[in-house]
Amino acid sequence: MRSFRLVAIALLFFWLAPLSASAQNLHCNPCGHAFGKIQIGSSSSYTFTLSNSGNTTLRIFSKSQRGSAFAFSRLTLPIRLKPGASFQLIATFTPTAKGFDTGSFTLKSNDPTSPLTLNVRGTGISPSVAQLTVNPSSLNFGSVMVGSSASLQATLAASGAAITISSDGSTSSEFTIMGLTLPVTIQTGKSIAVTVQFIANAAGIASGTAGFTSNAANSPTVAQVAGTGIAGAAHSVALSWNSGSGSAVGYNIYRGTVKAGPFQTINSGLDSSTNYTDYTVVSGTTYYYVTTEVNAQGQESGYSNEVQAVIPTP
């Protein structure tokens, strides 16, 4: 009988484990920024956040930039960025000429998709020249009895751009600026009223400037102020009038030095009575006065008849 030999064949099975791959990914979100319109000579900044969204260390070894109007924060290379780590890059736009401009910042790394480019753009526009004006530019308080005070009103107007007044003051302690709560912003084309008070501390002429510090190109903006302290009784003009319509809630008093004007208001606020005394007259000067009435709706009437006052010379 033939014998049989059993041959065992061992089959070897290999389980293939999934292969793991390493990756680096320099990530930005967003990867660009529009600065919009920026005045020539001014700057605007934006912060980019760059991160490693891969699972191995990222190495940044090269950088380059384009666009002279754009600056980027300094980077010391090489940069090694661990997985999940991030850093910030600041871009600044400082236009030197009018018009649209673009720039970019490029980083090279061991990211398989390298290089990464950040794109920026912006438009340079002409700067507006903000000006603050004081009207009138000089205030003469006339003769004031020593120990007494007189007030005159001026108007502060903004042109070119909105103006913020941060501080005010005068060069003489006898003149005080009143009626402003600082800081105050005046929109372009608008104006606000301010009152300057003269307190005669001694006999004689007092003078100086009342000034306003702001972001205007002509800051500080000043008005000349002057007044005379009188040891005896000072000159004054007493005015009185009758209500025209009967519906007035107050009156404005106007004064000029030329017949038929122009006139400037001399009361710091609506006068509710029908009489007013002007203590700010100057000796040897002739003045002309008119009044107007204001109703509850803020409507102001035309000028009243004109009266003349001649101030004698002491």
C-alpha atoms as a PDB file:
ATOM      1  CA  MET A   1       0.000   0.000   0.000  1.00  0.00           C
ATOM      2  CA  ARG A   2       1.319   3.361  -0.928  1.00  0.00           C
ATOM      3  CA  SER A   3       1.903   5.666   2.019  1.00  0.00           C
ATOM      4  CA  PHE A   4       0.842   9.247   2.009  1.00  0.00           C
ATOM      5  CA  ARG A   5       2.743  12.107   3.565  1.00  0.00           C
ATOM      6  CA  LEU A   6       0.777  15.030   4.782  1.00  0.00           C
ATOM      7  CA  VAL A   7       2.501  18.222   4.091  1.00  0.00           C
ATOM      8  CA  ALA A   8       1.302  21.156   6.069  1.00  0.00           C
ATOM      9  CA  ILE A   9       1.603  24.448   4.334  1.00  0.00           C
ATOM     10  CA  ALA A  10       1.643  27.349   6.669  1.00  0.00           C
ATOM     11  CA  LEU A  11      -0.027  30.390   5.297  1.00  0.00           C
ATOM     12  CA  LEU A  12       1.223  33.602   6.726  1.00  0.00           C
ATOM     13  CA  PHE A  13      -1.202  36.485   6.818  1.00  0.00           C
ATOM     14  CA  PHE A  14      -0.029  40.037   7.244  1.00  0.00           C
ATOM     15  CA  TRP A  15      -2.307  42.752   8.476  1.00  0.00           C
ATOM     16  CA  LEU A  16      -1.512  46.020   6.837  1.00  0.00           C
ATOM     17  CA  ALA A  17      -1.871  48.915   9.228  1.00  0.00           C
ATOM     18  CA  PRO A  18      -2.891  52.246   7.672  1.00  0.00           C
ATOM     19  CA  LEU A  19       0.078  54.384   6.835  1.00  0.00           C
ATOM     20  CA  SER A  20       0.352  57.773   8.625  1.00  0.00           C
ATOM     21  CA  ALA A  21       1.686  60.758   6.744  1.00  0.00           C
ATOM     22  CA  SER A  22       3.102  63.944   8.208  1.00  0.00           C
ATOM     23  CA  ALA A  23       1.912  67.310   6.937  1.00  0.00           C
ATOM     24  CA  GLN A  24       2.543  70.983   7.465  1.00  0.00           C
ATOM     25  CA  ASN A  25       0.060  73.676   6.529  1.00  0.00           C
ATOM     26  CA  LEU A  26       0.631  77.442   6.898  1.00  0.00           C
ATOM     27  CA  HIS A  27      -2.898  78.774   7.303  1.00  0.00           C
ATOM     28  CA  CYS A  28      -4.334  82.304   7.080  1.00  0.00           C
ATOM     29  CA  ASN A  29      -7.927  83.494   7.374  1.00  0.00           C
ATOM     30  CA  PRO A  30      -8.378  85.961   5.822  1.00  0.00           C
ATOM     31  CA  CYS A  31      -5.414  86.089   3.463  1.00  0.00           C
ATOM     32  CA  GLY A  32      -6.047  89.625   2.258  1.00  0.00           C
ATOM     33  CA  HIS A  33      -7.269  93.009   3.476  1.00  0.00           C
ATOM     34  CA  ALA A  34      -8.686  96.191   1.896  1.00  0.00           C
ATOM     35  CA  PHE A  35      -7.730  99.350   3.812  1.00  0.00           C
ATOM     36  CA  GLY A  36     -10.193 101.547   1.925  1.00  0.00           C
ATOM     37  CA  LYS A  37      -9.566 105.298   1.636  1.00  0.00           C
ATOM     38  CA  ILE A  38      -6.766 106.685   3.800  1.00  0.00           C
ATOM     39  CA  GLN A  39      -5.589 110.306   3.819  1.00  0.00           C
ATOM     40  CA  ILE A  40      -2.079 110.942   2.518  1.00  0.00           C
ATOM     41  CA  GLY A  41       0.298 111.144   5.464  1.00  0.00           C
ATOM     42  CA  SER A  42      -1.993 109.084   7.721  1.00  0.00           C
ATOM     43  CA  SER A  43      -1.711 105.363   8.487  1.00  0.00           C
ATOM     44  CA  SER A  44      -4.011 102.414   9.038  1.00  0.00           C
ATOM     45  CA  SER A  45      -3.021  98.965  10.335  1.00  0.00           C
ATOM     46  CA  TYR A  46      -4.474  95.466  10.145  1.00  0.00           C
ATOM     47  CA  THR A  47      -3.385  92.280  11.938  1.00  0.00           C
ATOM     48  CA  PHE A  48      -3.168  88.933  10.133  1.00  0.00           C
ATOM     49  CA  THR A  49      -3.089  85.693  12.147  1.00  0.00           C
ATOM     50  CA  LEU A  50      -0.997  82.857  10.651  1.00  0.00           C
ATOM     51  CA  SER A  51      -1.114  79.332  12.096  1.00  0.00           C
ATOM     52  CA  ASN A  52       0.175  75.788  11.540  1.00  0.00           C
ATOM     53  CA  SER A  53      -2.889  73.631  10.920  1.00  0.00           C
ATOM     54  CA  GLY A  54      -0.787  70.529  10.213  1.00  0.00           C
ATOM     55  CA  ASN A  55       0.526  67.854  12.567  1.00  0.00           C
ATOM     56  CA  THR A  56       4.275  68.446  12.295  1.00  0.00           C
ATOM     57  CA  THR A  57       6.509  71.438  12.891  1.00  0.00           C
ATOM     58  CA  LEU A  58       6.380  74.061  10.170  1.00  0.00           C
ATOM     59  CA  ARG A  59       9.534  75.931   9.176  1.00  0.00           C
ATOM     60  CA  ILE A  60       9.280  79.369   7.523  1.00  0.00           C
ATOM     61  CA  PHE A  61      12.621  80.261   5.947  1.00  0.00           C
ATOM     62  CA  SER A  62      12.016  83.080   3.456  1.00  0.00           C
ATOM     63  CA  LYS A  63       9.990  86.290   3.115  1.00  0.00           C
ATOM     64  CA  SER A  64       9.494  89.020   0.520  1.00  0.00           C
ATOM     65  CA  GLN A  65       7.175  91.963   0.090  1.00  0.00           C
ATOM     66  CA  ARG A  66       5.863  94.261  -2.640  1.00  0.00           C
ATOM     67  CA  GLY A  67       4.354  97.752  -2.458  1.00  0.00           C
ATOM     68  CA  SER A  68       6.256 100.739  -1.008  1.00  0.00           C
ATOM     69  CA  ALA A  69       3.137 102.192   0.660  1.00  0.00           C
ATOM     70  CA  PHE A  70       2.725  99.045   2.772  1.00  0.00           C
ATOM     71  CA  ALA A  71       4.853  97.934   5.720  1.00  0.00           C
ATOM     72  CA  PHE A  72       4.806  94.617   7.552  1.00  0.00           C
ATOM     73  CA  SER A  73       5.984  93.807  11.059  1.00  0.00           C
ATOM     74  CA  ARG A  74       9.525  92.486  11.334  1.00  0.00           C
ATOM     75  CA  LEU A  75       9.995  88.720  11.303  1.00  0.00           C
ATOM     76  CA  THR A  76      13.227  87.029  12.388  1.00  0.00           C
ATOM     77  CA  LEU A  77      13.762  83.949  10.225  1.00  0.00           C
ATOM     78  CA  PRO A  78      13.718  81.048  10.339  1.00  0.00           C
ATOM     79  CA  ILE A  79      10.460  80.608  12.253  1.00  0.00           C
ATOM     80  CA  ARG A  80       9.560  77.176  13.591  1.00  0.00           C
ATOM     81  CA  LEU A  81       5.862  76.782  14.220  1.00  0.00           C
ATOM     82  CA  LYS A  82       4.613  73.759  16.148  1.00  0.00           C
ATOM     83  CA  PRO A  83       1.272  72.139  15.237  1.00  0.00           C
ATOM     84  CA  GLY A  84      -1.572  74.391  16.352  1.00  0.00           C
ATOM     85  CA  ALA A  85       0.721  77.332  17.077  1.00  0.00           C
ATOM     86  CA  SER A  86       0.179  80.756  15.533  1.00  0.00           C
ATOM     87  CA  PHE A  87       1.695  84.220  15.262  1.00  0.00           C
ATOM     88  CA  GLN A  88       0.515  87.655  14.169  1.00  0.00           C
ATOM     89  CA  LEU A  89       1.699  89.808  11.299  1.00  0.00           C
ATOM     90  CA  ILE A  90       0.775  93.505  11.229  1.00  0.00           C
ATOM     91  CA  ALA A  91       0.300  95.254   7.889  1.00  0.00           C
ATOM     92  CA  THR A  92       0.320  99.068   7.753  1.00  0.00           C
ATOM     93  CA  PHE A  93      -0.814 101.261   4.869  1.00  0.00           C
ATOM     94  CA  THR A  94       0.702 104.776   4.687  1.00  0.00           C
ATOM     95  CA  PRO A  95      -0.151 106.365   1.340  1.00  0.00           C
ATOM     96  CA  THR A  96       2.196 109.013  -0.034  1.00  0.00           C
ATOM     97  CA  ALA A  97       0.236 109.784  -3.198  1.00  0.00           C
ATOM     98  CA  LYS A  98      -3.354 109.855  -4.423  1.00  0.00           C
ATOM     99  CA  GLY A  99      -4.786 106.756  -6.037  1.00  0.00           C
ATOM    100  CA  PHE A 100      -5.293 103.013  -5.698  1.00  0.00           C
ATOM    101  CA  ASP A 101      -2.326 100.910  -4.579  1.00  0.00           C
ATOM    102  CA  THR A 102      -1.650  97.228  -3.917  1.00  0.00           C
ATOM    103  CA  GLY A 103       0.940  95.262  -2.007  1.00  0.00           C
ATOM    104  CA  SER A 104       1.756  91.757  -0.865  1.00  0.00           C
ATOM    105  CA  PHE A 105       3.785  89.789   1.649  1.00  0.00           C
ATOM    106  CA  THR A 106       5.035  86.300   0.679  1.00  0.00           C
ATOM    107  CA  LEU A 107       6.300  83.577   3.008  1.00  0.00           C
ATOM    108  CA  LYS A 108       8.117  80.418   1.880  1.00  0.00           C
ATOM    109  CA  SER A 109       8.110  77.353   4.106  1.00  0.00           C
ATOM    110  CA  ASN A 110       8.201  73.563   4.070  1.00  0.00           C
ATOM    111  CA  ASP A 111       4.455  73.559   3.522  1.00  0.00           C
ATOM    112  CA  PRO A 112       3.845  71.492   0.354  1.00  0.00           C
ATOM    113  CA  THR A 113       1.661  74.332  -0.947  1.00  0.00           C
ATOM    114  CA  SER A 114       4.301  77.015  -0.264  1.00  0.00           C
ATOM    115  CA  PRO A 115       4.568  79.944  -0.886  1.00  0.00           C
ATOM    116  CA  LEU A 116       1.768  81.729   0.978  1.00  0.00           C
ATOM    117  CA  THR A 117       0.946  85.296  -0.128  1.00  0.00           C
ATOM    118  CA  LEU A 118      -1.014  87.915   1.803  1.00  0.00           C
ATOM    119  CA  ASN A 119      -2.517  90.572  -0.461  1.00  0.00           C
ATOM    120  CA  VAL A 120      -3.348  94.134   0.635  1.00  0.00           C
ATOM    121  CA  ARG A 121      -4.810  97.145  -1.134  1.00  0.00           C
ATOM    122  CA  GLY A 122      -5.881 100.689  -0.377  1.00  0.00           C
ATOM    123  CA  THR A 123      -6.518 104.133  -1.843  1.00  0.00           C
ATOM    124  CA  GLY A 124      -4.656 107.309  -0.938  1.00  0.00           C
ATOM    125  CA  ILE A 125      -6.778 110.453  -0.818  1.00  0.00           C
ATOM    126  CA  SER A 126      -5.843 114.107  -0.354  1.00  0.00           C
ATOM    127  CA  PRO A 127      -5.893 115.238   3.276  1.00  0.00           C
ATOM    128  CA  SER A 128      -8.555 117.757   4.168  1.00  0.00           C
ATOM    129  CA  VAL A 129      -7.143 120.885   5.767  1.00  0.00           C
ATOM    130  CA  ALA A 130      -9.210 121.440   8.893  1.00  0.00           C
ATOM    131  CA  GLN A 131      -9.432 125.070   9.954  1.00  0.00           C
ATOM    132  CA  LEU A 132     -10.958 126.603  13.092  1.00  0.00           C
ATOM    133  CA  THR A 133     -11.993 130.245  12.901  1.00  0.00           C
ATOM    134  CA  VAL A 134     -13.035 132.683  15.636  1.00  0.00           C
ATOM    135  CA  ASN A 135     -15.474 135.408  14.680  1.00  0.00           C
ATOM    136  CA  PRO A 136     -14.883 138.165  15.544  1.00  0.00           C
ATOM    137  CA  SER A 137     -11.126 137.709  15.695  1.00  0.00           C
ATOM    138  CA  SER A 138     -10.783 140.530  18.237  1.00  0.00           C
ATOM    139  CA  LEU A 139     -12.952 141.439  21.202  1.00  0.00           C
ATOM    140  CA  ASN A 140     -12.830 144.904  22.765  1.00  0.00           C
ATOM    141  CA  PHE A 141     -14.696 145.097  26.053  1.00  0.00           C
ATOM    142  CA  GLY A 142     -14.398 148.869  26.348  1.00  0.00           C
ATOM    143  CA  SER A 143     -14.360 150.539  29.741  1.00  0.00           C
ATOM    144  CA  VAL A 144     -15.336 148.437  32.739  1.00  0.00           C
ATOM    145  CA  MET A 145     -15.402 149.588  36.347  1.00  0.00           C
ATOM    146  CA  VAL A 146     -12.728 147.962  38.473  1.00  0.00           C
ATOM    147  CA  GLY A 147     -14.234 144.961  40.239  1.00  0.00           C
ATOM    148  CA  SER A 148     -16.982 144.592  37.624  1.00  0.00           C
ATOM    149  CA  SER A 149     -17.178 142.321  34.574  1.00  0.00           C
ATOM    150  CA  ALA A 150     -18.404 142.397  30.996  1.00  0.00           C
ATOM    151  CA  SER A 151     -19.007 139.572  28.522  1.00  0.00           C
ATOM    152  CA  LEU A 152     -18.853 139.326  24.747  1.00  0.00           C
ATOM    153  CA  GLN A 153     -19.825 136.428  22.516  1.00  0.00           C
ATOM    154  CA  ALA A 154     -17.816 134.903  19.672  1.00  0.00           C
ATOM    155  CA  THR A 155     -18.460 132.082  17.217  1.00  0.00           C
ATOM    156  CA  LEU A 156     -16.172 129.099  16.602  1.00  0.00           C
ATOM    157  CA  ALA A 157     -16.586 127.545  13.144  1.00  0.00           C
ATOM    158  CA  ALA A 158     -15.059 124.394  11.574  1.00  0.00           C
ATOM    159  CA  SER A 159     -14.162 124.007   7.907  1.00  0.00           C
ATOM    160  CA  GLY A 160     -12.427 121.268   5.916  1.00  0.00           C
ATOM    161  CA  ALA A 161     -13.154 118.535   8.471  1.00  0.00           C
ATOM    162  CA  ALA A 162     -14.663 117.989  11.907  1.00  0.00           C
ATOM    163  CA  ILE A 163     -12.620 119.696  14.613  1.00  0.00           C
ATOM    164  CA  THR A 164     -12.282 118.636  18.240  1.00  0.00           C
ATOM    165  CA  ILE A 165     -11.301 121.360  20.706  1.00  0.00           C
ATOM    166  CA  SER A 166      -9.376 119.789  23.586  1.00  0.00           C
ATOM    167  CA  SER A 167      -8.472 122.800  25.692  1.00  0.00           C
ATOM    168  CA  ASP A 168      -8.847 126.575  25.919  1.00  0.00           C
ATOM    169  CA  GLY A 169      -7.375 129.420  27.888  1.00  0.00           C
ATOM    170  CA  SER A 170      -6.219 133.024  27.854  1.00  0.00           C
ATOM    171  CA  THR A 171      -2.889 134.732  28.357  1.00  0.00           C
ATOM    172  CA  SER A 172      -4.353 137.125  30.949  1.00  0.00           C
ATOM    173  CA  SER A 173      -6.159 136.233  34.157  1.00  0.00           C
ATOM    174  CA  GLU A 174      -8.603 139.098  33.523  1.00  0.00           C
ATOM    175  CA  PHE A 175     -10.126 137.248  30.547  1.00  0.00           C
ATOM    176  CA  THR A 176     -12.000 133.965  30.950  1.00  0.00           C
ATOM    177  CA  ILE A 177     -13.505 131.684  28.292  1.00  0.00           C
ATOM    178  CA  MET A 178     -16.960 130.468  29.270  1.00  0.00           C
ATOM    179  CA  GLY A 179     -19.671 128.253  27.795  1.00  0.00           C
ATOM    180  CA  LEU A 180     -17.548 125.340  26.540  1.00  0.00           C
ATOM    181  CA  THR A 181     -17.605 121.806  27.965  1.00  0.00           C
ATOM    182  CA  LEU A 182     -14.403 120.206  26.713  1.00  0.00           C
ATOM    183  CA  PRO A 183     -13.586 118.244  24.710  1.00  0.00           C
ATOM    184  CA  VAL A 184     -16.144 119.404  22.144  1.00  0.00           C
ATOM    185  CA  THR A 185     -16.372 118.461  18.457  1.00  0.00           C
ATOM    186  CA  ILE A 186     -17.614 120.864  15.779  1.00  0.00           C
ATOM    187  CA  GLN A 187     -18.714 119.183  12.570  1.00  0.00           C
ATOM    188  CA  THR A 188     -17.432 120.667   9.326  1.00  0.00           C
ATOM    189  CA  GLY A 189     -19.547 123.598   8.199  1.00  0.00           C
ATOM    190  CA  LYS A 190     -21.008 124.031  11.693  1.00  0.00           C
ATOM    191  CA  SER A 191     -20.323 126.527  14.476  1.00  0.00           C
ATOM    192  CA  ILE A 192     -20.820 126.973  18.195  1.00  0.00           C
ATOM    193  CA  ALA A 193     -21.016 130.031  20.433  1.00  0.00           C
ATOM    194  CA  VAL A 194     -18.503 130.855  23.140  1.00  0.00           C
ATOM    195  CA  THR A 195     -18.485 133.647  25.709  1.00  0.00           C
ATOM    196  CA  VAL A 196     -15.420 135.568  26.849  1.00  0.00           C
ATOM    197  CA  GLN A 197     -15.635 137.494  30.120  1.00  0.00           C
ATOM    198  CA  PHE A 198     -13.474 140.441  31.134  1.00  0.00           C
ATOM    199  CA  ILE A 199     -13.080 141.161  34.851  1.00  0.00           C
ATOM    200  CA  ALA A 200     -11.335 144.475  35.456  1.00  0.00           C
ATOM    201  CA  ASN A 201      -8.937 143.828  38.316  1.00  0.00           C
ATOM    202  CA  ALA A 202      -7.157 147.169  38.123  1.00  0.00           C
ATOM    203  CA  ALA A 203      -7.339 150.528  36.419  1.00  0.00           C
ATOM    204  CA  GLY A 204      -5.714 150.662  33.022  1.00  0.00           C
ATOM    205  CA  ILE A 205      -5.644 148.768  29.742  1.00  0.00           C
ATOM    206  CA  ALA A 206      -5.653 144.970  29.813  1.00  0.00           C
ATOM    207  CA  SER A 207      -4.993 142.870  26.745  1.00  0.00           C
ATOM    208  CA  GLY A 208      -4.108 139.356  25.686  1.00  0.00           C
ATOM    209  CA  THR A 209      -5.334 136.454  23.606  1.00  0.00           C
ATOM    210  CA  ALA A 210      -8.046 133.861  24.108  1.00  0.00           C
ATOM    211  CA  GLY A 211      -6.957 130.607  22.487  1.00  0.00           C
ATOM    212  CA  PHE A 212      -8.366 127.205  21.539  1.00  0.00           C
ATOM    213  CA  THR A 213      -6.238 124.075  21.127  1.00  0.00           C
ATOM    214  CA  SER A 214      -7.620 121.515  18.670  1.00  0.00           C
ATOM    215  CA  ASN A 215      -6.777 119.108  15.848  1.00  0.00           C
ATOM    216  CA  ALA A 216      -7.119 121.941  13.329  1.00  0.00           C
ATOM    217  CA  ALA A 217      -4.197 122.801  11.084  1.00  0.00           C
ATOM    218  CA  ASN A 218      -4.113 126.331  12.540  1.00  0.00           C
ATOM    219  CA  SER A 219      -4.164 125.251  16.192  1.00  0.00           C
ATOM    220  CA  PRO A 220      -3.969 127.014  18.545  1.00  0.00           C
ATOM    221  CA  THR A 221      -6.600 129.398  17.165  1.00  0.00           C
ATOM    222  CA  VAL A 222      -6.640 132.727  19.008  1.00  0.00           C
ATOM    223  CA  ALA A 223      -8.687 135.901  19.299  1.00  0.00           C
ATOM    224  CA  GLN A 224      -7.250 139.190  20.499  1.00  0.00           C
ATOM    225  CA  VAL A 225      -8.951 140.531  23.639  1.00  0.00           C
ATOM    226  CA  ALA A 226      -8.703 143.941  25.253  1.00  0.00           C
ATOM    227  CA  GLY A 227     -10.463 146.028  27.868  1.00  0.00           C
ATOM    228  CA  THR A 228      -9.888 149.012  30.109  1.00  0.00           C
ATOM    229  CA  GLY A 229     -10.368 149.061  33.848  1.00  0.00           C
ATOM    230  CA  ILE A 230     -11.833 152.336  35.111  1.00  0.00           C
ATOM    231  CA  ALA A 231     -11.403 153.364  38.743  1.00  0.00           C
ATOM    232  CA  GLY A 232     -14.477 155.624  38.647  1.00  0.00           C
ATOM    233  CA  ALA A 233     -17.796 155.068  36.970  1.00  0.00           C
ATOM    234  CA  ALA A 234     -17.496 153.579  33.500  1.00  0.00           C
ATOM    235  CA  HIS A 235     -19.555 154.639  30.504  1.00  0.00           C
ATOM    236  CA  SER A 236     -22.557 152.551  29.582  1.00  0.00           C
ATOM    237  CA  VAL A 237     -25.570 152.708  27.259  1.00  0.00           C
ATOM    238  CA  ALA A 238     -29.049 151.913  28.617  1.00  0.00           C
ATOM    239  CA  LEU A 239     -31.505 150.564  26.013  1.00  0.00           C
ATOM    240  CA  SER A 240     -35.232 149.900  26.282  1.00  0.00           C
ATOM    241  CA  TRP A 241     -37.914 148.886  23.786  1.00  0.00           C
ATOM    242  CA  ASN A 242     -41.498 147.684  23.422  1.00  0.00           C
ATOM    243  CA  SER A 243     -42.542 144.180  22.400  1.00  0.00           C
ATOM    244  CA  GLY A 244     -43.587 144.105  18.757  1.00  0.00           C
ATOM    245  CA  SER A 245     -45.887 141.081  18.395  1.00  0.00           C
ATOM    246  CA  GLY A 246     -46.545 140.192  22.015  1.00  0.00           C
ATOM    247  CA  SER A 247     -45.469 136.588  21.384  1.00  0.00           C
ATOM    248  CA  ALA A 248     -41.751 137.056  22.028  1.00  0.00           C
ATOM    249  CA  VAL A 249     -39.976 134.765  24.485  1.00  0.00           C
ATOM    250  CA  GLY A 250     -36.760 136.760  24.330  1.00  0.00           C
ATOM    251  CA  TYR A 251     -34.785 139.424  22.547  1.00  0.00           C
ATOM    252  CA  ASN A 252     -31.382 139.807  20.889  1.00  0.00           C
ATOM    253  CA  ILE A 253     -29.465 143.059  21.014  1.00  0.00           C
ATOM    254  CA  TYR A 254     -27.193 144.016  18.125  1.00  0.00           C
ATOM    255  CA  ARG A 255     -24.532 146.734  17.937  1.00  0.00           C
ATOM    256  CA  GLY A 256     -22.477 148.292  15.160  1.00  0.00           C
ATOM    257  CA  THR A 257     -20.165 151.239  14.687  1.00  0.00           C
ATOM    258  CA  VAL A 258     -21.539 152.212  11.265  1.00  0.00           C
ATOM    259  CA  LYS A 259     -25.028 153.493  10.576  1.00  0.00           C
ATOM    260  CA  ALA A 260     -27.256 150.713   9.119  1.00  0.00           C
ATOM    261  CA  GLY A 261     -24.734 148.068  10.113  1.00  0.00           C
ATOM    262  CA  PRO A 262     -23.209 145.600   9.902  1.00  0.00           C
ATOM    263  CA  PHE A 263     -24.308 144.600  13.406  1.00  0.00           C
ATOM    264  CA  GLN A 264     -23.073 141.976  15.861  1.00  0.00           C
ATOM    265  CA  THR A 265     -25.010 140.476  18.744  1.00  0.00           C
ATOM    266  CA  ILE A 266     -23.762 141.616  22.160  1.00  0.00           C
ATOM    267  CA  ASN A 267     -25.988 139.581  24.511  1.00  0.00           C
ATOM    268  CA  SER A 268     -24.665 136.142  25.530  1.00  0.00           C
ATOM    269  CA  GLY A 269     -28.193 134.654  25.578  1.00  0.00           C
ATOM    270  CA  LEU A 270     -31.784 135.643  24.893  1.00  0.00           C
ATOM    271  CA  ASP A 271     -32.770 138.645  27.038  1.00  0.00           C
ATOM    272  CA  SER A 272     -36.225 138.070  28.501  1.00  0.00           C
ATOM    273  CA  SER A 273     -36.720 141.701  29.526  1.00  0.00           C
ATOM    274  CA  THR A 274     -37.283 144.761  27.324  1.00  0.00           C
ATOM    275  CA  ASN A 275     -34.229 146.626  28.519  1.00  0.00           C
ATOM    276  CA  TYR A 276     -30.472 146.087  28.323  1.00  0.00           C
ATOM    277  CA  THR A 277     -27.395 147.968  29.512  1.00  0.00           C
ATOM    278  CA  ASP A 278     -24.246 147.824  27.396  1.00  0.00           C
ATOM    279  CA  TYR A 279     -21.234 148.148  29.678  1.00  0.00           C
ATOM    280  CA  THR A 280     -18.705 147.335  26.948  1.00  0.00           C
ATOM    281  CA  VAL A 281     -18.586 150.690  25.182  1.00  0.00           C
ATOM    282  CA  VAL A 282     -15.349 152.509  24.413  1.00  0.00           C
ATOM    283  CA  SER A 283     -14.880 156.212  25.130  1.00  0.00           C
ATOM    284  CA  GLY A 284     -15.022 158.475  22.093  1.00  0.00           C
ATOM    285  CA  THR A 285     -16.916 155.902  19.953  1.00  0.00           C
ATOM    286  CA  THR A 286     -20.324 156.195  18.314  1.00  0.00           C
ATOM    287  CA  TYR A 287     -22.543 153.081  18.393  1.00  0.00           C
ATOM    288  CA  TYR A 288     -25.744 152.089  16.610  1.00  0.00           C
ATOM    289  CA  TYR A 289     -28.170 149.602  18.172  1.00  0.00           C
ATOM    290  CA  VAL A 290     -31.061 147.450  16.928  1.00  0.00           C
ATOM    291  CA  THR A 291     -33.011 144.619  18.562  1.00  0.00           C
ATOM    292  CA  THR A 292     -34.921 141.562  17.355  1.00  0.00           C
ATOM    293  CA  GLU A 293     -37.500 139.370  19.045  1.00  0.00           C
ATOM    294  CA  VAL A 294     -37.559 135.563  19.063  1.00  0.00           C
ATOM    295  CA  ASN A 295     -40.752 133.521  19.443  1.00  0.00           C
ATOM    296  CA  ALA A 296     -41.284 130.087  21.009  1.00  0.00           C
ATOM    297  CA  GLN A 297     -40.494 128.361  17.685  1.00  0.00           C
ATOM    298  CA  GLY A 298     -37.066 130.006  17.549  1.00  0.00           C
ATOM    299  CA  GLN A 299     -38.048 132.348  14.731  1.00  0.00           C
ATOM    300  CA  GLU A 300     -36.319 135.718  14.854  1.00  0.00           C
ATOM    301  CA  SER A 301     -37.889 138.946  13.637  1.00  0.00           C
ATOM    302  CA  GLY A 302     -36.242 141.583  11.513  1.00  0.00           C
ATOM    303  CA  TYR A 303     -34.308 144.480  13.031  1.00  0.00           C
ATOM    304  CA  SER A 304     -36.107 147.145  15.023  1.00  0.00           C
ATOM    305  CA  ASN A 305     -35.516 150.829  14.377  1.00  0.00           C
ATOM    306  CA  GLU A 306     -31.933 151.942  14.878  1.00  0.00           C
ATOM    307  CA  VAL A 307     -30.783 154.142  17.765  1.00  0.00           C
ATOM    308  CA  GLN A 308     -27.495 155.975  18.121  1.00  0.00           C
ATOM    309  CA  ALA A 309     -25.312 156.428  21.208  1.00  0.00           C
ATOM    310  CA  VAL A 310     -22.275 158.719  21.295  1.00  0.00           C
ATOM    311  CA  ILE A 311     -19.827 157.825  24.073  1.00  0.00           C
ATOM    312  CA  PRO A 312     -17.997 160.849  25.472  1.00  0.00           C
ATOM    313  CA  THR A 313     -14.264 160.993  25.915  1.00  0.00           C
ATOM    314  CA  PRO A 314     -13.230 161.106  29.602  1.00  0.00           C
END
